[in-house]
Amino acid sequence: MGALTPEVMARSLSQVLGFILAIALVLALLEGYVYLLFFRRPRSLLGAIFTRTVQGAMAAFLLLLVLRFLDRMGLIADLVAALGLAPLLAFPERAWAAWSAFSPMPWRLLLPFFLILALELLIYLTGEPRPSRLGLAYVLILPALIGISFLIVIPFLFEVRLAFSNMAMYTAQNPEFGLRYGVENFIKVFTGPVAKDATFFEVFGRTVLWTVINVFFHVTGGLILALLLNRPMRLRGLYRTILILPWAVPSTITAMAWRNEFDFRYGLFNILLRNAQQFFTDLAAQTQSLPLVYDLFAWLSQAVHPVPWRQDPTWAFISVVMTNVWLGIPFMMVVILGGLQSISQEYYEAAEIDGASKWQQFRHITLPLLRPVLVPATILGTVWTFNRFEVIYLVTQGGPQEKTDILVSSLYKAIFQFYRYGFSAAFALVIFFILLLWSIFYLRITKGLRGIYE
C-alpha cells in the first residue's frame, strides 16, 4: 500500500477539483444552450443556418455522451451491439483522449469551454430577443433535472437491468443478462427465502404490521401533542423545543441509545421492572392479613418482572416499535401543528356561536381542514417507516431468528451477507412497486390532494 504523501494528496485533490470544475462548466454551457434555444432567434437566413448547425452539433454530441454513459453502465449494451453503434459511441472518448494527449490540466477543460462559449456568444450577438413563456422555467429547472437524472433515474434504470441478471458473489465479474434471469429472480423473491430462512410473505406481513402500528401511533401522538401545543399556554416555545428534540437527534444515535436501554441486566426498562417487582413483593408481604389485597399484590409481583427484550421475538418486536414511535411522533407533531396554525379562528368562533361542542368543532372543522396536511404526511411517514432500516438493524439486527426483520433489513442481508445482487435488485423493485401502488391507492381513496388543487 502506498504512503499518503503530499504528492498523492495533491493529485487526488486535483482530480476532485477537476471533476467539480467539469460539472460546473458543462452545466454553464447547457444553461447557455437552453437560453439561446428559447430566448434568441436568428435575424437572417445565414444566421439561422449557423445557429441550427451549432445547436444540432451540440445536441448530437450530448446525445452521444448520454448514450455512451448508459452503454458503459450496461443499460443499453445489447442494443448497441445489435445495431453496431459501438464505434460511434466511442467517438467522444477517442476525441477526448486525443485532446488530452497534448493538453495539460486545466486547459484541457477550459479551452473546449471557451470555444463553445464563443460559439454561444456569436449566436447571441447575431440573434434577436424572442419572448418565451416556458423558456425561463426550463432554464431554472435544468440543474434539478440533471441532478435527478444522475441520482435517481439512471441508478433506477441500472437496478432494473441488474434485476434481469444472474449477478452474485461468484459471477460479479462476468454476469449474464437476460429475461429468463429476471423471471427467475422475481419467482425466487416470492417463493424462496429472501434472506436466510424467512420467506417474502412472512416478512411482508411483519412489515405491514410494523408500518400500521408505527404510523397509527405517529399520527395519533403527533395530533394530540399538536392540539395541546396549539392552545395558548405559558412556556409553549420551550415545550415545543423539548418535544422536537427526538427528531433533531440523528436516528442512529437514538437507536443505539434505545438498544442499551433494552439490555436485560443493565437496561433502564428492566431496572424499573425489577424495582416494581420488588415493590409489589414488599406490599404483598405487608398485606397478608388482607386476603384480597394480598392476592392482588402477589399477582402483580409475579406478573411484573424483567423482560427478555432481545431474546424473545415478541418483546424484540415491541422494542423496535417503541424506538420508532419515539422517533416518528415529533415529525408528525411539527407537520400537524403547522396545519393547525394555518386554520383561521373565524371558523371556530362561528361554530361556537352556532352552539357546536369542542368535539363537533374538531370533527367538522379541524380534521377536514387538516386533510391536505395529514394525507401527504401520512404517506411520507408510511414510506419512511416501511423503509426504516437503521432502527431494525441497530436495535435487534433482525433477530432473534429473523423475527424482527422487515423487507428492507432482509434486502440488506440478501445483498451484504449472501451477495445475491441480481436477486436483491428484483427484491428492491418489488418493494418500490408496493410503496408506489399503496401511495396511489391512498391518494385516491382519501382524495388527499383535493384541498391543494381544487
Protein backbone atom coordinates (compact mmCIF):
# COMPACT_ATOMS: atom_id res chain seq x y z
CA MET A 1 0.00 0.00 0.00
CA GLY A 2 1.39 3.42 -0.97
CA ALA A 3 2.06 6.09 1.62
CA LEU A 4 -0.21 9.11 1.91
CA THR A 5 2.31 11.68 0.72
CA PRO A 6 1.66 15.35 -0.14
CA GLU A 7 2.04 14.46 -3.81
CA VAL A 8 -0.67 11.79 -3.56
CA MET A 9 -2.97 14.18 -1.69
CA ALA A 10 -2.35 16.93 -4.26
CA ARG A 11 -3.08 14.56 -7.13
CA SER A 12 -6.30 13.34 -5.51
CA LEU A 13 -7.37 16.90 -4.75
CA SER A 14 -6.70 17.96 -8.33
CA GLN A 15 -8.83 15.07 -9.60
CA VAL A 16 -11.72 16.03 -7.33
CA LEU A 17 -11.47 19.72 -8.23
CA GLY A 18 -11.20 18.84 -11.91
CA PHE A 19 -14.37 16.77 -11.67
CA ILE A 20 -16.23 19.60 -9.93
CA LEU A 21 -14.91 22.10 -12.49
CA ALA A 22 -16.03 19.87 -15.35
CA ILE A 23 -19.55 19.61 -13.90
CA ALA A 24 -19.74 23.39 -13.41
CA LEU A 25 -18.54 24.11 -16.96
CA VAL A 26 -20.90 21.60 -18.57
CA LEU A 27 -23.83 22.94 -16.56
CA ALA A 28 -22.98 26.52 -17.57
CA LEU A 29 -22.83 25.55 -21.24
CA LEU A 30 -26.13 23.69 -21.01
CA GLU A 31 -27.78 26.68 -19.36
CA GLY A 32 -26.50 28.89 -22.17
CA TYR A 33 -27.68 26.39 -24.77
CA VAL A 34 -31.21 26.27 -23.31
CA TYR A 35 -31.31 30.06 -23.01
CA LEU A 36 -30.35 30.55 -26.66
CA LEU A 37 -32.83 27.88 -27.72
CA PHE A 38 -35.79 29.63 -26.12
CA PHE A 39 -34.91 33.33 -25.86
CA ARG A 40 -32.96 34.14 -29.06
CA ARG A 41 -33.81 33.72 -32.73
CA PRO A 42 -31.66 34.36 -35.83
CA ARG A 43 -32.02 37.61 -37.71
CA SER A 44 -31.10 36.24 -41.15
CA LEU A 45 -31.07 33.01 -43.12
CA LEU A 46 -27.30 32.69 -42.81
CA GLY A 47 -27.54 33.22 -39.07
CA ALA A 48 -30.29 30.62 -38.86
CA ILE A 49 -28.16 28.05 -40.71
CA PHE A 50 -25.18 28.76 -38.47
CA THR A 51 -27.27 28.70 -35.28
CA ARG A 52 -29.09 25.48 -36.08
CA THR A 53 -25.85 23.80 -37.18
CA VAL A 54 -24.10 24.64 -33.90
CA GLN A 55 -27.11 23.72 -31.79
CA GLY A 56 -27.59 20.48 -33.71
CA ALA A 57 -23.93 19.54 -33.30
CA MET A 58 -24.07 20.26 -29.56
CA ALA A 59 -27.28 18.25 -29.18
CA ALA A 60 -25.80 15.32 -31.12
CA PHE A 61 -22.62 15.39 -29.03
CA LEU A 62 -24.63 15.48 -25.79
CA LEU A 63 -26.75 12.60 -27.04
CA LEU A 64 -23.61 10.60 -27.79
CA LEU A 65 -22.31 11.30 -24.29
CA VAL A 66 -25.55 10.17 -22.67
CA LEU A 67 -25.76 7.03 -24.81
CA ARG A 68 -22.11 6.20 -24.09
CA PHE A 69 -22.72 6.63 -20.37
CA LEU A 70 -25.73 4.32 -20.50
CA ASP A 71 -23.70 1.84 -22.56
CA ARG A 72 -20.85 1.85 -20.04
CA MET A 73 -23.36 1.15 -17.27
CA GLY A 74 -24.65 -1.82 -19.25
CA LEU A 75 -28.15 -0.44 -19.68
CA ILE A 76 -28.16 -0.46 -23.49
CA ALA A 77 -25.18 -2.74 -24.21
CA ASP A 78 -27.28 -5.35 -26.02
CA LEU A 79 -28.96 -2.72 -28.20
CA VAL A 80 -25.62 -1.09 -29.06
CA ALA A 81 -24.11 -4.44 -30.03
CA ALA A 82 -27.13 -5.36 -32.16
CA LEU A 83 -27.10 -2.05 -34.06
CA GLY A 84 -23.30 -1.85 -34.35
CA LEU A 85 -23.14 1.56 -32.66
CA ALA A 86 -20.06 0.87 -30.52
CA PRO A 87 -17.57 2.77 -32.77
CA LEU A 88 -19.90 5.77 -32.97
CA LEU A 89 -20.49 5.90 -29.22
CA ALA A 90 -16.76 5.61 -28.58
CA PHE A 91 -16.08 8.77 -30.62
CA PRO A 92 -16.33 11.22 -27.64
CA GLU A 93 -13.83 9.14 -25.65
CA ARG A 94 -11.39 8.88 -28.56
CA ALA A 95 -11.65 12.61 -29.21
CA TRP A 96 -11.08 13.39 -25.55
CA ALA A 97 -8.11 11.01 -25.37
CA ALA A 98 -6.53 12.65 -28.42
CA TRP A 99 -7.12 16.10 -26.97
CA SER A 100 -5.74 15.09 -23.54
CA ALA A 101 -2.53 13.76 -25.12
CA PHE A 102 -1.10 17.23 -25.71
CA SER A 103 -3.27 19.47 -23.48
CA PRO A 104 -2.46 19.65 -19.74
CA MET A 105 -4.95 20.45 -16.99
CA PRO A 106 -6.76 22.81 -16.53
CA TRP A 107 -6.54 23.92 -20.18
CA ARG A 108 -7.82 20.51 -21.13
CA LEU A 109 -11.19 21.64 -19.78
CA LEU A 110 -11.01 25.40 -20.25
CA LEU A 111 -10.18 25.54 -23.97
CA PRO A 112 -13.22 23.49 -25.11
CA PHE A 113 -15.33 25.52 -22.71
CA PHE A 114 -14.15 28.84 -24.14
CA LEU A 115 -14.62 27.54 -27.69
CA ILE A 116 -18.23 26.53 -27.09
CA LEU A 117 -18.82 29.72 -25.10
CA ALA A 118 -17.55 31.76 -28.04
CA LEU A 119 -19.96 29.96 -30.37
CA GLU A 120 -22.82 30.64 -27.97
CA LEU A 121 -21.84 34.33 -27.74
CA LEU A 122 -21.74 34.52 -31.53
CA ILE A 123 -25.24 33.05 -31.71
CA TYR A 124 -26.37 35.57 -29.10
CA LEU A 125 -24.88 38.55 -30.95
CA THR A 126 -26.27 37.52 -34.32
CA GLY A 127 -29.74 36.88 -32.95
CA GLU A 128 -32.60 38.93 -31.60
CA PRO A 129 -34.79 38.56 -28.50
CA ARG A 130 -37.69 36.16 -28.62
CA PRO A 131 -40.39 36.01 -25.93
CA SER A 132 -40.86 32.58 -24.37
CA ARG A 133 -43.35 31.52 -21.73
CA LEU A 134 -41.64 28.22 -20.92
CA GLY A 135 -38.03 29.18 -21.52
CA LEU A 136 -37.41 30.60 -18.06
CA ALA A 137 -38.95 27.53 -16.45
CA TYR A 138 -36.64 25.21 -18.40
CA VAL A 139 -33.60 27.31 -17.55
CA LEU A 140 -34.45 27.23 -13.84
CA ILE A 141 -35.23 23.52 -13.58
CA LEU A 142 -32.36 22.29 -15.77
CA PRO A 143 -29.87 21.78 -12.87
CA ALA A 144 -32.50 19.90 -10.89
CA LEU A 145 -33.36 17.74 -13.90
CA ILE A 146 -29.71 16.85 -14.41
CA GLY A 147 -29.30 16.04 -10.72
CA ILE A 148 -32.43 13.89 -10.66
CA SER A 149 -31.29 12.07 -13.79
CA PHE A 150 -27.90 11.16 -12.31
CA LEU A 151 -29.07 10.50 -8.75
CA ILE A 152 -32.43 8.78 -9.33
CA VAL A 153 -33.32 7.92 -12.92
CA ILE A 154 -30.03 6.37 -14.07
CA PRO A 155 -29.47 4.32 -10.86
CA PHE A 156 -33.07 3.11 -11.11
CA LEU A 157 -32.54 2.00 -14.71
CA PHE A 158 -29.31 0.28 -13.68
CA GLU A 159 -31.20 -1.53 -10.92
CA VAL A 160 -33.85 -2.67 -13.40
CA ARG A 161 -31.13 -4.09 -15.64
CA LEU A 162 -29.39 -5.72 -12.68
CA ALA A 163 -32.66 -7.43 -11.73
CA PHE A 164 -32.51 -9.26 -15.08
CA SER A 165 -29.09 -10.77 -14.41
CA ASN A 166 -27.51 -13.67 -12.54
CA MET A 167 -25.04 -11.40 -10.75
CA ALA A 168 -23.94 -12.88 -7.43
CA MET A 169 -20.72 -13.26 -5.47
CA TYR A 170 -19.08 -15.64 -7.93
CA THR A 171 -20.46 -14.07 -11.12
CA ALA A 172 -19.89 -10.39 -10.33
CA GLN A 173 -17.00 -10.11 -12.80
CA ASN A 174 -18.87 -11.57 -15.80
CA PRO A 175 -22.62 -11.61 -15.13
CA GLU A 176 -25.12 -12.70 -17.73
CA PHE A 177 -28.20 -10.65 -18.56
CA GLY A 178 -31.48 -11.85 -19.97
CA LEU A 179 -35.22 -12.11 -19.50
CA ARG A 180 -35.02 -15.61 -18.04
CA TYR A 181 -32.73 -14.44 -15.24
CA GLY A 182 -35.19 -11.68 -14.36
CA VAL A 183 -38.11 -14.10 -14.29
CA GLU A 184 -36.10 -16.47 -12.07
CA ASN A 185 -35.18 -13.65 -9.69
CA PHE A 186 -38.77 -12.47 -9.29
CA ILE A 187 -40.00 -16.03 -8.79
CA LYS A 188 -37.35 -16.58 -6.11
CA VAL A 189 -38.46 -13.39 -4.33
CA PHE A 190 -41.98 -14.75 -3.87
CA THR A 191 -41.23 -18.45 -3.40
CA GLY A 192 -37.84 -18.80 -1.73
CA PRO A 193 -36.20 -17.32 1.36
CA VAL A 194 -35.42 -13.63 0.99
CA ALA A 195 -32.53 -13.72 3.47
CA LYS A 196 -31.63 -16.90 5.33
CA ASP A 197 -34.85 -18.72 6.23
CA ALA A 198 -37.66 -16.14 6.26
CA THR A 199 -39.94 -16.05 3.21
CA PHE A 200 -41.22 -12.95 1.44
CA PHE A 201 -44.81 -13.16 2.64
CA GLU A 202 -43.74 -13.77 6.23
CA VAL A 203 -41.51 -10.69 6.20
CA PHE A 204 -44.06 -8.68 4.22
CA GLY A 205 -46.80 -9.40 6.77
CA ARG A 206 -44.49 -8.33 9.58
CA THR A 207 -43.56 -5.18 7.65
CA VAL A 208 -47.22 -4.26 7.18
CA LEU A 209 -47.89 -4.82 10.89
CA TRP A 210 -44.81 -2.78 11.80
CA THR A 211 -45.87 0.05 9.50
CA VAL A 212 -49.52 0.16 10.60
CA ILE A 213 -48.67 0.20 14.32
CA ASN A 214 -46.00 2.85 13.96
CA VAL A 215 -47.95 5.17 11.66
CA PHE A 216 -51.01 4.90 13.91
CA PHE A 217 -49.03 5.99 16.96
CA HIS A 218 -47.12 8.61 14.96
CA VAL A 219 -50.28 10.29 13.69
CA THR A 220 -52.26 9.88 16.91
CA GLY A 221 -49.43 11.03 19.18
CA GLY A 222 -48.45 13.85 16.85
CA LEU A 223 -52.07 15.05 16.61
CA ILE A 224 -52.57 15.03 20.38
CA LEU A 225 -49.33 16.91 21.05
CA ALA A 226 -50.05 19.39 18.24
CA LEU A 227 -53.52 20.11 19.65
CA LEU A 228 -52.02 20.69 23.09
CA LEU A 229 -49.25 22.95 21.80
CA ASN A 230 -51.68 24.92 19.64
CA ARG A 231 -53.51 26.13 22.73
CA PRO A 232 -52.33 29.30 24.48
CA MET A 233 -50.12 28.39 27.44
CA ARG A 234 -47.05 29.60 29.24
CA LEU A 235 -43.64 28.33 28.07
CA ARG A 236 -45.20 26.96 24.88
CA GLY A 237 -41.99 27.59 22.93
CA LEU A 238 -39.97 25.63 25.49
CA TYR A 239 -42.34 22.67 25.29
CA ARG A 240 -42.13 22.67 21.50
CA THR A 241 -38.34 22.67 21.63
CA ILE A 242 -38.23 19.79 24.11
CA LEU A 243 -40.73 17.68 22.17
CA ILE A 244 -38.92 18.18 18.86
CA LEU A 245 -35.54 17.03 20.26
CA PRO A 246 -36.07 13.31 19.46
CA TRP A 247 -36.46 14.28 15.80
CA ALA A 248 -33.44 16.59 15.88
CA VAL A 249 -31.10 13.89 17.23
CA PRO A 250 -29.76 11.58 14.47
CA SER A 251 -31.80 8.39 14.31
CA THR A 252 -28.71 6.17 14.51
CA ILE A 253 -27.71 7.71 17.84
CA THR A 254 -31.26 7.36 19.16
CA ALA A 255 -31.49 3.73 18.05
CA MET A 256 -28.18 2.82 19.71
CA ALA A 257 -29.25 4.57 22.92
CA TRP A 258 -32.55 2.68 22.98
CA ARG A 259 -30.70 -0.58 22.29
CA ASN A 260 -28.75 -0.11 25.51
CA GLU A 261 -31.95 0.61 27.43
CA PHE A 262 -33.28 -2.81 26.37
CA ASP A 263 -30.32 -4.68 27.88
CA PHE A 264 -31.56 -7.48 30.14
CA ARG A 265 -29.29 -6.73 33.11
CA TYR A 266 -28.37 -3.07 32.83
CA GLY A 267 -31.13 -1.54 30.71
CA LEU A 268 -33.38 1.14 32.15
CA PHE A 269 -36.63 -0.71 31.45
CA ASN A 270 -35.62 -3.90 33.24
CA ILE A 271 -34.23 -1.91 36.17
CA LEU A 272 -37.63 -0.23 36.53
CA LEU A 273 -39.39 -3.58 36.20
CA ARG A 274 -37.17 -5.15 38.89
CA ASN A 275 -37.85 -2.26 41.24
CA ALA A 276 -41.58 -2.51 40.55
CA GLN A 277 -41.50 -6.27 41.16
CA GLN A 278 -39.69 -5.78 44.45
CA PHE A 279 -42.16 -3.04 45.43
CA PHE A 280 -45.19 -5.31 44.85
CA THR A 281 -43.45 -8.18 46.64
CA ASP A 282 -42.91 -5.99 49.72
CA LEU A 283 -46.52 -4.80 49.62
CA ALA A 284 -47.74 -8.40 49.37
CA ALA A 285 -45.67 -9.33 52.43
CA GLN A 286 -47.14 -6.43 54.39
CA THR A 287 -50.78 -7.18 53.48
CA GLN A 288 -51.01 -10.90 54.22
CA SER A 289 -53.79 -10.20 56.70
CA LEU A 290 -55.94 -8.74 53.89
CA PRO A 291 -56.63 -11.65 51.51
CA LEU A 292 -57.98 -9.69 48.54
CA VAL A 293 -55.27 -7.04 48.69
CA TYR A 294 -52.61 -9.69 49.23
CA ASP A 295 -53.80 -11.68 46.21
CA LEU A 296 -53.65 -8.54 44.04
CA PHE A 297 -50.11 -7.59 45.07
CA ALA A 298 -48.94 -11.21 44.91
CA TRP A 299 -50.27 -11.45 41.36
CA LEU A 300 -48.59 -8.18 40.41
CA SER A 301 -45.28 -9.36 41.89
CA GLN A 302 -45.45 -12.37 39.58
CA ALA A 303 -46.76 -10.52 36.52
CA VAL A 304 -44.26 -7.66 36.65
CA HIS A 305 -40.74 -8.94 36.02
CA PRO A 306 -37.71 -8.22 33.80
CA VAL A 307 -38.35 -8.85 30.12
CA PRO A 308 -36.01 -10.63 27.65
CA TRP A 309 -36.18 -7.79 25.14
CA ARG A 310 -33.60 -9.18 22.71
CA GLN A 311 -34.13 -12.91 23.19
CA ASP A 312 -37.91 -13.17 22.81
CA PRO A 313 -39.31 -12.43 19.30
CA THR A 314 -42.44 -10.69 20.60
CA TRP A 315 -40.59 -8.43 23.01
CA ALA A 316 -37.90 -7.75 20.43
CA PHE A 317 -40.59 -6.57 18.00
CA ILE A 318 -42.12 -4.39 20.72
CA SER A 319 -38.71 -2.86 21.43
CA VAL A 320 -38.17 -1.73 17.83
CA VAL A 321 -41.73 -0.38 17.67
CA MET A 322 -41.15 1.65 20.84
CA THR A 323 -37.93 3.06 19.39
CA ASN A 324 -39.52 4.05 16.10
CA VAL A 325 -42.60 5.58 17.75
CA TRP A 326 -40.26 7.78 19.76
CA LEU A 327 -38.52 8.84 16.54
CA GLY A 328 -41.65 9.44 14.47
CA ILE A 329 -44.03 11.39 16.71
CA PRO A 330 -42.08 14.71 16.65
CA PHE A 331 -42.21 14.90 12.84
CA MET A 332 -45.97 14.41 12.78
CA MET A 333 -46.36 16.89 15.62
CA VAL A 334 -44.49 19.60 13.71
CA VAL A 335 -46.39 18.99 10.45
CA ILE A 336 -49.82 18.90 12.11
CA LEU A 337 -49.02 21.92 14.27
CA GLY A 338 -48.19 23.88 11.13
CA GLY A 339 -51.53 22.82 9.64
CA LEU A 340 -53.43 23.80 12.79
CA GLN A 341 -51.90 27.26 12.85
CA SER A 342 -52.99 27.84 9.25
CA ILE A 343 -56.68 27.32 10.16
CA SER A 344 -58.48 30.61 10.69
CA GLN A 345 -60.01 31.14 14.13
CA GLU A 346 -63.12 32.58 12.48
CA TYR A 347 -64.35 29.05 11.78
CA TYR A 348 -64.25 28.16 15.47
CA GLU A 349 -65.86 31.44 16.52
CA ALA A 350 -68.73 30.87 14.10
CA ALA A 351 -69.11 27.29 15.34
CA GLU A 352 -69.27 28.44 18.96
CA ILE A 353 -71.99 30.94 18.06
CA ASP A 354 -73.95 28.07 16.48
CA GLY A 355 -73.54 26.05 19.68
CA ALA A 356 -71.07 23.44 18.40
CA SER A 357 -69.20 21.47 21.04
CA LYS A 358 -65.42 21.02 21.09
CA TRP A 359 -65.78 17.54 19.63
CA GLN A 360 -68.01 18.80 16.84
CA GLN A 361 -65.53 21.58 16.06
CA PHE A 362 -62.71 19.04 15.93
CA ARG A 363 -64.68 16.63 13.76
CA HIS A 364 -66.22 19.09 11.30
CA ILE A 365 -63.59 21.86 11.17
CA THR A 366 -60.18 20.69 12.33
CA LEU A 367 -59.97 17.26 10.68
CA PRO A 368 -61.34 18.30 7.24
CA LEU A 369 -59.04 21.33 7.08
CA LEU A 370 -56.07 19.22 8.18
CA ARG A 371 -56.58 16.68 5.37
CA PRO A 372 -54.24 18.43 2.86
CA VAL A 373 -51.56 18.22 5.56
CA LEU A 374 -52.34 14.83 7.07
CA VAL A 375 -52.54 12.84 3.83
CA PRO A 376 -49.07 13.73 2.44
CA ALA A 377 -47.58 13.46 5.94
CA THR A 378 -49.12 10.01 6.38
CA ILE A 379 -47.78 8.89 3.01
CA LEU A 380 -44.30 10.16 3.88
CA GLY A 381 -44.49 8.56 7.32
CA THR A 382 -45.59 5.26 5.82
CA VAL A 383 -42.78 5.22 3.26
CA TRP A 384 -40.18 6.16 5.88
CA THR A 385 -41.46 3.58 8.36
CA PHE A 386 -41.72 0.88 5.68
CA ASN A 387 -38.05 1.50 4.85
CA ARG A 388 -36.81 2.22 8.40
CA PHE A 389 -33.72 0.06 8.17
CA GLU A 390 -31.49 1.65 10.80
CA VAL A 391 -33.88 1.06 13.72
CA ILE A 392 -34.21 -2.65 12.97
CA TYR A 393 -30.51 -3.12 12.29
CA LEU A 394 -29.16 -1.17 15.27
CA VAL A 395 -31.66 -2.34 17.90
CA THR A 396 -32.14 -6.05 17.07
CA GLN A 397 -30.29 -6.69 13.77
CA GLY A 398 -33.44 -8.52 12.70
CA GLY A 399 -33.15 -11.09 15.46
CA PRO A 400 -33.83 -13.33 17.10
CA GLN A 401 -34.02 -15.80 14.20
CA GLU A 402 -35.05 -13.08 11.71
CA LYS A 403 -38.27 -12.50 13.68
CA THR A 404 -37.97 -8.71 13.64
CA ASP A 405 -36.74 -8.36 10.07
CA ILE A 406 -38.75 -6.16 7.73
CA LEU A 407 -38.40 -6.07 3.96
CA VAL A 408 -35.54 -3.57 3.81
CA SER A 409 -33.49 -5.33 6.50
CA SER A 410 -33.96 -8.64 4.68
CA LEU A 411 -32.89 -6.87 1.49
CA TYR A 412 -29.75 -5.64 3.25
CA LYS A 413 -28.89 -9.20 4.32
CA ALA A 414 -29.52 -10.53 0.82
CA ILE A 415 -27.03 -8.01 -0.56
CA PHE A 416 -24.28 -7.77 2.05
CA GLN A 417 -24.43 -11.16 3.74
CA PHE A 418 -25.43 -13.50 0.92
CA TYR A 419 -24.22 -11.40 -2.06
CA ARG A 420 -27.29 -12.10 -4.22
CA TYR A 421 -27.07 -8.95 -6.32
CA GLY A 422 -29.46 -9.80 -9.16
CA PHE A 423 -31.99 -11.25 -6.73
CA SER A 424 -31.64 -8.21 -4.45
CA ALA A 425 -32.29 -5.82 -7.34
CA ALA A 426 -35.52 -7.67 -8.14
CA PHE A 427 -36.40 -7.66 -4.43
CA ALA A 428 -35.83 -3.89 -4.27
CA LEU A 429 -38.08 -3.34 -7.30
CA VAL A 430 -40.85 -5.32 -5.61
CA ILE A 431 -40.57 -3.08 -2.53
CA PHE A 432 -40.62 0.02 -4.74
CA PHE A 433 -43.79 -1.01 -6.57
CA ILE A 434 -45.51 -1.98 -3.32
CA LEU A 435 -44.97 1.54 -1.97
CA LEU A 436 -45.88 3.15 -5.30
CA LEU A 437 -49.18 1.28 -5.58
CA TRP A 438 -50.03 1.97 -1.95
CA SER A 439 -49.37 5.71 -2.34
CA ILE A 440 -51.57 5.92 -5.45
CA PHE A 441 -54.34 3.91 -3.77
CA TYR A 442 -54.20 6.00 -0.58
CA LEU A 443 -54.35 9.27 -2.52
CA ARG A 444 -57.36 8.07 -4.47
CA ILE A 445 -59.43 6.83 -1.55
CA THR A 446 -58.67 9.84 0.65
CA LYS A 447 -58.75 12.46 -2.13
CA GLY A 448 -55.80 13.88 -0.26
CA LEU A 449 -54.75 16.36 -2.94
CA ARG A 450 -58.24 17.77 -3.49
CA GLY A 451 -57.66 20.55 -0.99
CA ILE A 452 -54.49 21.58 -2.82
CA TYR A 453 -55.56 21.55 -6.47
CA GLU A 454 -59.24 22.47 -6.12
